[in-house]
N, C-alpha and C. Protein backbone atom coordinates (compact mmCIF):
# COMPACT_ATOMS: atom_id res chain seq x y z
N MET A 1 -30.42 -32.30 6.28
CA MET A 1 -30.52 -30.94 5.76
C MET A 1 -30.15 -30.90 4.28
N LYS A 2 -29.07 -31.63 3.90
CA LYS A 2 -28.66 -31.63 2.50
C LYS A 2 -29.73 -32.27 1.62
N LEU A 3 -30.39 -33.30 2.14
CA LEU A 3 -31.46 -33.95 1.38
C LEU A 3 -32.63 -33.01 1.16
N LEU A 4 -32.96 -32.23 2.18
CA LEU A 4 -34.04 -31.26 2.07
C LEU A 4 -33.71 -30.18 1.05
N THR A 5 -32.48 -29.71 1.06
CA THR A 5 -32.03 -28.71 0.09
C THR A 5 -32.08 -29.28 -1.32
N LEU A 6 -31.65 -30.51 -1.49
CA LEU A 6 -31.67 -31.16 -2.79
C LEU A 6 -33.10 -31.31 -3.30
N LYS A 7 -34.02 -31.69 -2.43
CA LYS A 7 -35.42 -31.82 -2.81
C LYS A 7 -35.99 -30.47 -3.23
N PHE A 8 -35.65 -29.42 -2.51
CA PHE A 8 -36.11 -28.07 -2.84
C PHE A 8 -35.61 -27.66 -4.22
N LEU A 9 -34.36 -27.92 -4.52
CA LEU A 9 -33.79 -27.57 -5.82
C LEU A 9 -34.46 -28.36 -6.95
N ILE A 10 -34.75 -29.60 -6.71
CA ILE A 10 -35.43 -30.41 -7.73
C ILE A 10 -36.82 -29.86 -8.00
N VAL A 11 -37.55 -29.49 -6.95
CA VAL A 11 -38.88 -28.91 -7.12
C VAL A 11 -38.80 -27.62 -7.93
N LEU A 12 -37.83 -26.77 -7.61
CA LEU A 12 -37.64 -25.53 -8.36
C LEU A 12 -37.41 -25.81 -9.85
N LEU A 13 -36.55 -26.76 -10.13
CA LEU A 13 -36.24 -27.08 -11.52
C LEU A 13 -37.46 -27.62 -12.25
N VAL A 14 -38.21 -28.48 -11.61
CA VAL A 14 -39.38 -29.08 -12.25
C VAL A 14 -40.43 -28.02 -12.58
N PHE A 15 -40.66 -27.07 -11.68
CA PHE A 15 -41.72 -26.09 -11.88
C PHE A 15 -41.30 -24.87 -12.69
N PHE A 16 -40.09 -24.44 -12.56
CA PHE A 16 -39.71 -23.17 -13.16
C PHE A 16 -38.95 -23.27 -14.47
N ILE A 17 -38.14 -24.28 -14.67
CA ILE A 17 -37.35 -24.38 -15.90
C ILE A 17 -38.23 -24.47 -17.14
N PRO A 18 -39.28 -25.33 -17.16
CA PRO A 18 -40.12 -25.36 -18.37
C PRO A 18 -40.74 -24.00 -18.70
N ASN A 19 -41.15 -23.25 -17.68
CA ASN A 19 -41.74 -21.93 -17.92
C ASN A 19 -40.71 -20.96 -18.47
N VAL A 20 -39.51 -21.01 -17.96
CA VAL A 20 -38.46 -20.09 -18.40
C VAL A 20 -38.03 -20.40 -19.83
N LEU A 21 -37.89 -21.69 -20.15
CA LEU A 21 -37.45 -22.07 -21.48
C LEU A 21 -38.50 -21.78 -22.55
N ASN A 22 -39.74 -21.71 -22.16
CA ASN A 22 -40.83 -21.55 -23.10
C ASN A 22 -41.38 -20.13 -23.10
N SER A 23 -40.59 -19.16 -22.65
CA SER A 23 -41.08 -17.79 -22.56
C SER A 23 -39.93 -16.81 -22.70
N LYS A 24 -40.31 -15.54 -22.77
CA LYS A 24 -39.33 -14.46 -22.82
C LYS A 24 -39.89 -13.28 -22.04
N GLU A 25 -39.05 -12.32 -21.76
CA GLU A 25 -39.49 -11.12 -21.06
C GLU A 25 -39.34 -9.91 -21.97
N LEU A 26 -40.14 -8.88 -21.70
CA LEU A 26 -40.04 -7.62 -22.43
C LEU A 26 -39.01 -6.76 -21.70
N ASP A 27 -38.05 -6.23 -22.43
CA ASP A 27 -37.00 -5.43 -21.81
C ASP A 27 -37.57 -4.34 -20.92
N GLY A 28 -37.06 -4.28 -19.72
CA GLY A 28 -37.43 -3.20 -18.79
C GLY A 28 -38.71 -3.43 -18.03
N LEU A 29 -39.42 -4.54 -18.29
CA LEU A 29 -40.65 -4.82 -17.55
C LEU A 29 -40.50 -6.11 -16.76
N LYS A 30 -40.31 -5.96 -15.48
CA LYS A 30 -40.21 -7.14 -14.64
C LYS A 30 -41.61 -7.74 -14.49
N ASN A 31 -41.67 -9.01 -14.22
CA ASN A 31 -42.90 -9.75 -13.93
C ASN A 31 -43.72 -10.11 -15.15
N LEU A 32 -43.42 -9.57 -16.33
CA LEU A 32 -44.17 -9.91 -17.53
C LEU A 32 -43.46 -11.06 -18.24
N VAL A 33 -44.19 -12.16 -18.42
CA VAL A 33 -43.65 -13.33 -19.11
C VAL A 33 -44.47 -13.53 -20.38
N ILE A 34 -43.81 -13.48 -21.52
CA ILE A 34 -44.45 -13.63 -22.83
C ILE A 34 -44.15 -15.04 -23.32
N TYR A 35 -45.19 -15.79 -23.66
CA TYR A 35 -45.01 -17.18 -24.08
C TYR A 35 -44.54 -17.28 -25.52
N ASN A 36 -43.62 -18.17 -25.76
CA ASN A 36 -43.24 -18.50 -27.13
C ASN A 36 -44.33 -19.34 -27.78
N ASP A 37 -44.93 -20.23 -27.00
CA ASP A 37 -46.03 -21.07 -27.47
C ASP A 37 -47.29 -20.68 -26.70
N GLN A 38 -48.24 -20.09 -27.40
CA GLN A 38 -49.48 -19.65 -26.76
C GLN A 38 -50.33 -20.85 -26.37
N LYS A 39 -51.13 -20.67 -25.32
CA LYS A 39 -51.96 -21.75 -24.79
C LYS A 39 -53.43 -21.46 -25.07
N LYS A 40 -54.11 -22.38 -25.74
CA LYS A 40 -55.55 -22.23 -26.00
C LYS A 40 -56.29 -22.35 -24.67
N ILE A 41 -57.17 -21.40 -24.42
CA ILE A 41 -57.94 -21.40 -23.18
C ILE A 41 -59.27 -22.09 -23.45
N SER A 42 -59.51 -23.16 -22.72
CA SER A 42 -60.81 -23.83 -22.86
C SER A 42 -61.84 -23.04 -22.07
N GLU A 43 -63.06 -23.41 -22.21
CA GLU A 43 -64.15 -22.67 -21.58
C GLU A 43 -63.95 -22.56 -20.07
N ILE A 44 -63.93 -21.34 -19.58
CA ILE A 44 -63.83 -21.10 -18.14
C ILE A 44 -64.93 -20.14 -17.73
N SER A 45 -65.29 -20.23 -16.46
CA SER A 45 -66.34 -19.36 -15.96
C SER A 45 -66.06 -18.98 -14.52
N PHE A 46 -66.74 -17.93 -14.08
CA PHE A 46 -66.61 -17.40 -12.73
C PHE A 46 -67.91 -16.68 -12.42
N LYS A 47 -68.02 -16.09 -11.25
CA LYS A 47 -69.27 -15.45 -10.83
C LYS A 47 -69.14 -13.93 -10.88
N ASN A 48 -70.29 -13.27 -11.10
CA ASN A 48 -70.32 -11.81 -11.01
C ASN A 48 -70.98 -11.41 -9.69
N GLU A 49 -71.16 -10.12 -9.51
CA GLU A 49 -71.71 -9.58 -8.27
C GLU A 49 -73.09 -10.14 -7.94
N ASP A 50 -73.85 -10.49 -8.96
CA ASP A 50 -75.20 -11.03 -8.77
C ASP A 50 -75.21 -12.55 -8.64
N ASP A 51 -74.06 -13.15 -8.45
CA ASP A 51 -73.90 -14.61 -8.34
C ASP A 51 -74.29 -15.35 -9.62
N LYS A 52 -74.27 -14.64 -10.73
CA LYS A 52 -74.54 -15.27 -12.02
C LYS A 52 -73.22 -15.72 -12.63
N THR A 53 -73.27 -16.84 -13.30
CA THR A 53 -72.07 -17.38 -13.94
C THR A 53 -71.75 -16.57 -15.19
N VAL A 54 -70.50 -16.17 -15.29
CA VAL A 54 -69.98 -15.43 -16.43
C VAL A 54 -68.99 -16.34 -17.14
N SER A 55 -69.12 -16.41 -18.44
CA SER A 55 -68.24 -17.25 -19.24
C SER A 55 -67.31 -16.37 -20.07
N LEU A 56 -66.09 -16.83 -20.27
CA LEU A 56 -65.17 -16.07 -21.11
C LEU A 56 -65.68 -15.94 -22.54
N SER A 57 -66.51 -16.86 -22.97
CA SER A 57 -67.05 -16.79 -24.34
C SER A 57 -67.90 -15.54 -24.54
N GLU A 58 -68.36 -14.93 -23.46
CA GLU A 58 -69.11 -13.68 -23.56
C GLU A 58 -68.23 -12.52 -24.04
N PHE A 59 -66.93 -12.71 -23.99
CA PHE A 59 -65.99 -11.66 -24.35
C PHE A 59 -65.20 -12.06 -25.61
N LYS A 60 -65.85 -12.82 -26.47
CA LYS A 60 -65.23 -13.30 -27.70
C LYS A 60 -64.69 -12.12 -28.51
N ASN A 61 -63.56 -12.33 -29.15
CA ASN A 61 -62.92 -11.34 -30.02
C ASN A 61 -62.45 -10.09 -29.28
N LYS A 62 -62.21 -10.22 -27.99
CA LYS A 62 -61.68 -9.11 -27.19
C LYS A 62 -60.30 -9.50 -26.66
N LEU A 63 -59.48 -8.52 -26.48
CA LEU A 63 -58.23 -8.69 -25.75
C LEU A 63 -58.60 -8.67 -24.27
N LEU A 64 -58.26 -9.73 -23.55
CA LEU A 64 -58.66 -9.85 -22.14
C LEU A 64 -57.47 -9.85 -21.21
N ILE A 65 -57.67 -9.21 -20.07
CA ILE A 65 -56.73 -9.34 -18.96
C ILE A 65 -57.55 -9.84 -17.78
N LEU A 66 -57.23 -11.06 -17.33
CA LEU A 66 -57.83 -11.60 -16.12
C LEU A 66 -56.87 -11.27 -14.99
N ASN A 67 -57.30 -10.43 -14.08
CA ASN A 67 -56.44 -10.01 -12.97
C ASN A 67 -56.96 -10.68 -11.70
N PHE A 68 -56.14 -11.57 -11.13
CA PHE A 68 -56.50 -12.29 -9.91
C PHE A 68 -55.94 -11.52 -8.72
N TRP A 69 -56.80 -11.26 -7.73
CA TRP A 69 -56.43 -10.38 -6.63
C TRP A 69 -57.24 -10.73 -5.38
N ALA A 70 -56.91 -10.06 -4.27
CA ALA A 70 -57.64 -10.18 -3.00
C ALA A 70 -57.56 -8.85 -2.27
N THR A 71 -58.53 -8.58 -1.41
CA THR A 71 -58.57 -7.29 -0.70
C THR A 71 -57.41 -7.12 0.28
N TRP A 72 -56.89 -8.21 0.81
CA TRP A 72 -55.81 -8.14 1.80
C TRP A 72 -54.42 -8.03 1.16
N CYS A 73 -54.37 -8.06 -0.17
CA CYS A 73 -53.11 -8.06 -0.92
C CYS A 73 -52.66 -6.62 -1.18
N GLU A 74 -51.58 -6.21 -0.53
CA GLU A 74 -51.08 -4.84 -0.69
C GLU A 74 -50.63 -4.53 -2.12
N PRO A 75 -49.88 -5.43 -2.79
CA PRO A 75 -49.52 -5.14 -4.20
C PRO A 75 -50.75 -5.03 -5.10
N CYS A 76 -51.81 -5.77 -4.78
CA CYS A 76 -53.06 -5.67 -5.56
C CYS A 76 -53.63 -4.26 -5.41
N LYS A 77 -53.60 -3.78 -4.19
CA LYS A 77 -54.12 -2.44 -3.89
C LYS A 77 -53.32 -1.38 -4.66
N GLU A 78 -52.02 -1.57 -4.73
CA GLU A 78 -51.16 -0.60 -5.40
C GLU A 78 -51.36 -0.59 -6.92
N GLU A 79 -51.58 -1.75 -7.52
CA GLU A 79 -51.67 -1.80 -8.98
C GLU A 79 -53.08 -1.55 -9.52
N MET A 80 -54.10 -1.72 -8.70
CA MET A 80 -55.48 -1.64 -9.19
C MET A 80 -55.81 -0.30 -9.87
N PRO A 81 -55.39 0.86 -9.34
CA PRO A 81 -55.69 2.12 -10.05
C PRO A 81 -55.07 2.18 -11.46
N SER A 82 -53.85 1.68 -11.63
CA SER A 82 -53.25 1.71 -12.97
C SER A 82 -53.95 0.71 -13.90
N LEU A 83 -54.46 -0.36 -13.33
CA LEU A 83 -55.23 -1.32 -14.13
C LEU A 83 -56.53 -0.67 -14.62
N GLN A 84 -57.19 0.06 -13.74
CA GLN A 84 -58.41 0.77 -14.13
C GLN A 84 -58.10 1.82 -15.20
N ASN A 85 -56.99 2.53 -15.05
CA ASN A 85 -56.62 3.54 -16.04
C ASN A 85 -56.30 2.91 -17.40
N LEU A 86 -55.74 1.71 -17.38
CA LEU A 86 -55.49 1.01 -18.64
C LEU A 86 -56.82 0.71 -19.33
N GLN A 87 -57.82 0.28 -18.57
CA GLN A 87 -59.14 0.00 -19.15
C GLN A 87 -59.74 1.27 -19.77
N LYS A 88 -59.46 2.42 -19.18
CA LYS A 88 -60.01 3.69 -19.67
C LYS A 88 -59.17 4.32 -20.78
N ASN A 89 -58.00 3.75 -21.06
CA ASN A 89 -57.10 4.32 -22.06
C ASN A 89 -57.78 4.34 -23.43
N PRO A 90 -57.95 5.52 -24.03
CA PRO A 90 -58.65 5.62 -25.32
C PRO A 90 -57.91 4.96 -26.48
N SER A 91 -56.65 4.62 -26.31
CA SER A 91 -55.91 3.94 -27.38
C SER A 91 -56.41 2.51 -27.59
N PHE A 92 -57.06 1.97 -26.57
CA PHE A 92 -57.57 0.60 -26.66
C PHE A 92 -59.06 0.65 -26.95
N ASN A 93 -59.47 -0.04 -28.00
CA ASN A 93 -60.89 -0.08 -28.29
C ASN A 93 -61.45 -1.49 -28.20
N ASN A 94 -60.61 -2.44 -27.84
CA ASN A 94 -61.06 -3.83 -27.80
C ASN A 94 -60.56 -4.56 -26.54
N LEU A 95 -60.23 -3.80 -25.51
CA LEU A 95 -59.66 -4.37 -24.29
C LEU A 95 -60.74 -4.50 -23.22
N LYS A 96 -60.76 -5.66 -22.56
CA LYS A 96 -61.67 -5.87 -21.43
C LYS A 96 -60.84 -6.44 -20.28
N ILE A 97 -60.91 -5.76 -19.14
CA ILE A 97 -60.19 -6.21 -17.95
C ILE A 97 -61.20 -6.80 -16.98
N LEU A 98 -60.91 -7.99 -16.52
CA LEU A 98 -61.78 -8.70 -15.59
C LEU A 98 -61.03 -8.95 -14.29
N PRO A 99 -61.23 -8.08 -13.29
CA PRO A 99 -60.58 -8.32 -12.00
C PRO A 99 -61.36 -9.39 -11.24
N ILE A 100 -60.71 -10.52 -10.97
CA ILE A 100 -61.38 -11.66 -10.35
C ILE A 100 -60.81 -11.87 -8.95
N ASN A 101 -61.65 -11.64 -7.96
CA ASN A 101 -61.23 -11.81 -6.57
C ASN A 101 -61.15 -13.29 -6.23
N ILE A 102 -60.02 -13.73 -5.69
CA ILE A 102 -59.86 -15.12 -5.29
C ILE A 102 -59.63 -15.23 -3.78
N GLY A 103 -59.92 -14.15 -3.06
CA GLY A 103 -59.69 -14.13 -1.61
C GLY A 103 -60.80 -14.74 -0.80
N GLN A 104 -61.81 -15.31 -1.45
CA GLN A 104 -62.96 -15.91 -0.77
C GLN A 104 -63.59 -14.91 0.20
N GLU A 105 -63.75 -13.69 -0.31
CA GLU A 105 -64.27 -12.59 0.50
C GLU A 105 -65.70 -12.26 0.09
N ASP A 106 -66.44 -11.66 1.00
CA ASP A 106 -67.83 -11.31 0.67
C ASP A 106 -67.86 -10.06 -0.20
N LYS A 107 -68.98 -9.86 -0.86
CA LYS A 107 -69.12 -8.75 -1.82
C LYS A 107 -68.97 -7.39 -1.16
N ASN A 108 -69.40 -7.26 0.09
CA ASN A 108 -69.26 -5.98 0.78
C ASN A 108 -67.79 -5.62 0.99
N SER A 109 -66.96 -6.60 1.29
CA SER A 109 -65.52 -6.35 1.44
C SER A 109 -64.90 -5.92 0.12
N ILE A 110 -65.36 -6.55 -0.95
CA ILE A 110 -64.85 -6.19 -2.28
C ILE A 110 -65.29 -4.78 -2.65
N LYS A 111 -66.55 -4.45 -2.39
CA LYS A 111 -67.05 -3.10 -2.68
C LYS A 111 -66.29 -2.05 -1.87
N LYS A 112 -66.01 -2.35 -0.62
CA LYS A 112 -65.28 -1.41 0.24
C LYS A 112 -63.85 -1.22 -0.31
N PHE A 113 -63.22 -2.30 -0.71
CA PHE A 113 -61.88 -2.22 -1.30
C PHE A 113 -61.91 -1.31 -2.53
N PHE A 114 -62.86 -1.54 -3.44
CA PHE A 114 -62.96 -0.71 -4.64
C PHE A 114 -63.18 0.75 -4.27
N SER A 115 -64.01 1.00 -3.30
CA SER A 115 -64.27 2.36 -2.86
C SER A 115 -63.01 3.00 -2.26
N ASP A 116 -62.31 2.25 -1.41
CA ASP A 116 -61.10 2.76 -0.75
C ASP A 116 -60.01 3.15 -1.75
N VAL A 117 -59.88 2.38 -2.83
CA VAL A 117 -58.82 2.68 -3.82
C VAL A 117 -59.37 3.41 -5.04
N LYS A 118 -60.62 3.88 -4.91
CA LYS A 118 -61.26 4.71 -5.93
C LYS A 118 -61.40 4.00 -7.28
N ILE A 119 -61.84 2.76 -7.20
CA ILE A 119 -62.11 1.97 -8.40
C ILE A 119 -63.61 2.08 -8.67
N ASN A 120 -63.96 2.67 -9.82
CA ASN A 120 -65.38 2.88 -10.09
C ASN A 120 -65.81 2.37 -11.47
N SER A 121 -64.90 1.76 -12.20
CA SER A 121 -65.29 1.31 -13.55
C SER A 121 -65.20 -0.20 -13.73
N PHE A 122 -64.90 -0.92 -12.67
CA PHE A 122 -64.81 -2.37 -12.77
C PHE A 122 -66.03 -3.03 -12.16
N GLU A 123 -66.47 -4.09 -12.82
CA GLU A 123 -67.49 -4.94 -12.24
C GLU A 123 -66.82 -5.85 -11.20
N ILE A 124 -67.64 -6.41 -10.33
CA ILE A 124 -67.12 -7.35 -9.34
C ILE A 124 -67.26 -8.76 -9.89
N PHE A 125 -66.13 -9.46 -9.92
CA PHE A 125 -66.10 -10.87 -10.29
C PHE A 125 -65.35 -11.62 -9.21
N TYR A 126 -65.70 -12.88 -9.01
CA TYR A 126 -64.98 -13.65 -8.03
C TYR A 126 -64.95 -15.13 -8.39
N ASP A 127 -63.98 -15.78 -7.82
CA ASP A 127 -63.75 -17.21 -8.01
C ASP A 127 -63.65 -17.80 -6.61
N SER A 128 -64.81 -17.92 -5.94
CA SER A 128 -64.81 -18.30 -4.53
C SER A 128 -64.29 -19.71 -4.27
N ASP A 129 -64.43 -20.60 -5.24
CA ASP A 129 -63.92 -21.95 -5.03
C ASP A 129 -62.50 -22.12 -5.58
N VAL A 130 -61.89 -21.04 -6.00
CA VAL A 130 -60.52 -20.93 -6.53
C VAL A 130 -60.19 -21.97 -7.61
N LYS A 131 -61.19 -22.39 -8.37
CA LYS A 131 -60.94 -23.32 -9.48
C LYS A 131 -60.07 -22.67 -10.55
N LEU A 132 -60.34 -21.39 -10.83
CA LEU A 132 -59.53 -20.71 -11.85
C LEU A 132 -58.09 -20.54 -11.39
N ALA A 133 -57.93 -20.21 -10.12
CA ALA A 133 -56.58 -20.06 -9.58
C ALA A 133 -55.79 -21.36 -9.77
N LYS A 134 -56.46 -22.47 -9.56
CA LYS A 134 -55.81 -23.77 -9.76
C LYS A 134 -55.58 -24.05 -11.24
N LYS A 135 -56.57 -23.73 -12.06
CA LYS A 135 -56.45 -23.99 -13.49
C LYS A 135 -55.27 -23.23 -14.10
N PHE A 136 -55.06 -21.99 -13.66
CA PHE A 136 -53.96 -21.18 -14.19
C PHE A 136 -52.68 -21.34 -13.38
N SER A 137 -52.67 -22.26 -12.43
CA SER A 137 -51.48 -22.55 -11.61
C SER A 137 -50.89 -21.30 -10.98
N LEU A 138 -51.76 -20.49 -10.37
CA LEU A 138 -51.28 -19.27 -9.74
C LEU A 138 -50.38 -19.60 -8.57
N ARG A 139 -49.28 -18.88 -8.47
CA ARG A 139 -48.34 -19.08 -7.38
C ARG A 139 -48.37 -17.93 -6.39
N GLY A 140 -49.22 -16.95 -6.66
CA GLY A 140 -49.35 -15.79 -5.79
C GLY A 140 -50.22 -14.76 -6.46
N ILE A 141 -50.51 -13.72 -5.73
CA ILE A 141 -51.31 -12.63 -6.29
C ILE A 141 -50.60 -11.31 -6.00
N PRO A 142 -50.83 -10.34 -6.84
CA PRO A 142 -51.64 -10.37 -8.04
C PRO A 142 -50.96 -11.16 -9.15
N THR A 143 -51.79 -11.76 -9.97
CA THR A 143 -51.35 -12.40 -11.20
C THR A 143 -52.36 -12.03 -12.27
N SER A 144 -51.86 -11.65 -13.43
CA SER A 144 -52.73 -11.30 -14.55
C SER A 144 -52.44 -12.22 -15.73
N ILE A 145 -53.50 -12.75 -16.31
CA ILE A 145 -53.42 -13.62 -17.48
C ILE A 145 -53.88 -12.81 -18.68
N LEU A 146 -53.09 -12.78 -19.74
CA LEU A 146 -53.43 -12.03 -20.95
C LEU A 146 -53.87 -13.01 -22.03
N ILE A 147 -55.07 -12.77 -22.56
CA ILE A 147 -55.66 -13.66 -23.55
C ILE A 147 -55.97 -12.84 -24.80
N ASN A 148 -55.50 -13.32 -25.95
CA ASN A 148 -55.73 -12.56 -27.18
C ASN A 148 -57.13 -12.78 -27.73
N LYS A 149 -57.46 -12.10 -28.81
CA LYS A 149 -58.80 -12.13 -29.40
C LYS A 149 -59.19 -13.52 -29.89
N ASP A 150 -58.21 -14.37 -30.14
CA ASP A 150 -58.48 -15.72 -30.62
C ASP A 150 -58.61 -16.73 -29.48
N GLY A 151 -58.54 -16.26 -28.23
CA GLY A 151 -58.72 -17.15 -27.08
C GLY A 151 -57.47 -17.87 -26.63
N TYR A 152 -56.30 -17.31 -26.95
CA TYR A 152 -55.04 -17.92 -26.52
C TYR A 152 -54.38 -17.08 -25.43
N GLU A 153 -53.95 -17.75 -24.39
CA GLU A 153 -53.14 -17.09 -23.36
C GLU A 153 -51.76 -16.89 -23.95
N PHE A 154 -51.35 -15.62 -24.04
CA PHE A 154 -50.07 -15.32 -24.67
C PHE A 154 -49.05 -14.72 -23.72
N ALA A 155 -49.49 -14.35 -22.51
CA ALA A 155 -48.57 -13.79 -21.54
C ALA A 155 -49.18 -13.87 -20.15
N LYS A 156 -48.32 -13.71 -19.16
CA LYS A 156 -48.75 -13.72 -17.76
C LYS A 156 -47.92 -12.68 -17.02
N ILE A 157 -48.56 -11.99 -16.12
CA ILE A 157 -47.85 -11.05 -15.25
C ILE A 157 -47.90 -11.64 -13.85
N ILE A 158 -46.75 -11.99 -13.33
CA ILE A 158 -46.66 -12.61 -12.01
C ILE A 158 -46.17 -11.54 -11.04
N GLY A 159 -47.08 -11.09 -10.20
CA GLY A 159 -46.78 -9.97 -9.32
C GLY A 159 -47.39 -8.70 -9.89
N SER A 160 -47.06 -7.60 -9.30
CA SER A 160 -47.67 -6.33 -9.72
C SER A 160 -46.78 -5.61 -10.74
N ILE A 161 -47.44 -4.81 -11.56
CA ILE A 161 -46.73 -3.91 -12.49
C ILE A 161 -47.51 -2.60 -12.56
N ASP A 162 -46.89 -1.64 -13.20
CA ASP A 162 -47.59 -0.38 -13.49
C ASP A 162 -48.21 -0.56 -14.88
N PHE A 163 -49.52 -0.73 -14.92
CA PHE A 163 -50.21 -0.97 -16.18
C PHE A 163 -50.22 0.27 -17.08
N GLU A 164 -49.74 1.39 -16.57
CA GLU A 164 -49.65 2.60 -17.39
C GLU A 164 -48.24 2.84 -17.93
N ASP A 165 -47.32 1.94 -17.63
CA ASP A 165 -45.95 2.06 -18.13
C ASP A 165 -46.01 2.10 -19.65
N PRO A 166 -45.44 3.14 -20.28
CA PRO A 166 -45.50 3.26 -21.74
C PRO A 166 -44.96 2.04 -22.49
N LYS A 167 -43.93 1.38 -21.95
CA LYS A 167 -43.40 0.18 -22.60
C LYS A 167 -44.46 -0.91 -22.65
N PHE A 168 -45.17 -1.09 -21.54
CA PHE A 168 -46.22 -2.10 -21.48
C PHE A 168 -47.38 -1.73 -22.40
N VAL A 169 -47.83 -0.48 -22.33
CA VAL A 169 -48.96 -0.04 -23.13
C VAL A 169 -48.66 -0.19 -24.62
N ASN A 170 -47.49 0.25 -25.05
CA ASN A 170 -47.13 0.15 -26.47
C ASN A 170 -47.04 -1.30 -26.92
N TRP A 171 -46.50 -2.18 -26.07
CA TRP A 171 -46.42 -3.58 -26.40
C TRP A 171 -47.83 -4.18 -26.51
N LEU A 172 -48.70 -3.86 -25.55
CA LEU A 172 -50.05 -4.42 -25.53
C LEU A 172 -50.90 -3.95 -26.70
N LEU A 173 -50.64 -2.75 -27.20
CA LEU A 173 -51.40 -2.23 -28.35
C LEU A 173 -51.26 -3.14 -29.58
N ASN A 174 -50.20 -3.91 -29.65
CA ASN A 174 -50.02 -4.85 -30.76
C ASN A 174 -51.07 -5.94 -30.77
N TYR A 175 -51.73 -6.16 -29.65
CA TYR A 175 -52.71 -7.26 -29.53
C TYR A 175 -54.14 -6.75 -29.57
N ASP A 176 -54.36 -5.45 -29.53
CA ASP A 176 -55.72 -4.89 -29.45
C ASP A 176 -56.48 -5.06 -30.73
């Protein structure tokens, strides 16, 4: 039992200490991790509702939020309306939110989810082979990756947040 506990602690240290040392949090906003060293995002792609490949390069010079979610995820359901409202916020003129389903679900399930939570301004995107989830080392959903206009990942939201929180909105306006 002691050996198992020791192995668990070592795994925690290996995975979490580098992330903690290389990041900071915004006061009062849990789950938001801001990187001290931004990460250049290489070319990534995913599928849209028509099964066409979408590349991040199509959104060049935009502030991007990649939101990874699934229809069975209750926190995803709770945060999705505030995410949509952030996209509609008139203070942002260069923001693009890409909700990417990683639940390996069919398009009808995704459409029903959007309808149930009254999401009407988002396109359907998905990562059915979960390559992106692996690339970004997701440990759970929802997770949102924030990418600046220059193509650098500068923050990550692990878990759900209120995307309409004034602290978050005011902070994010610095990147628009």
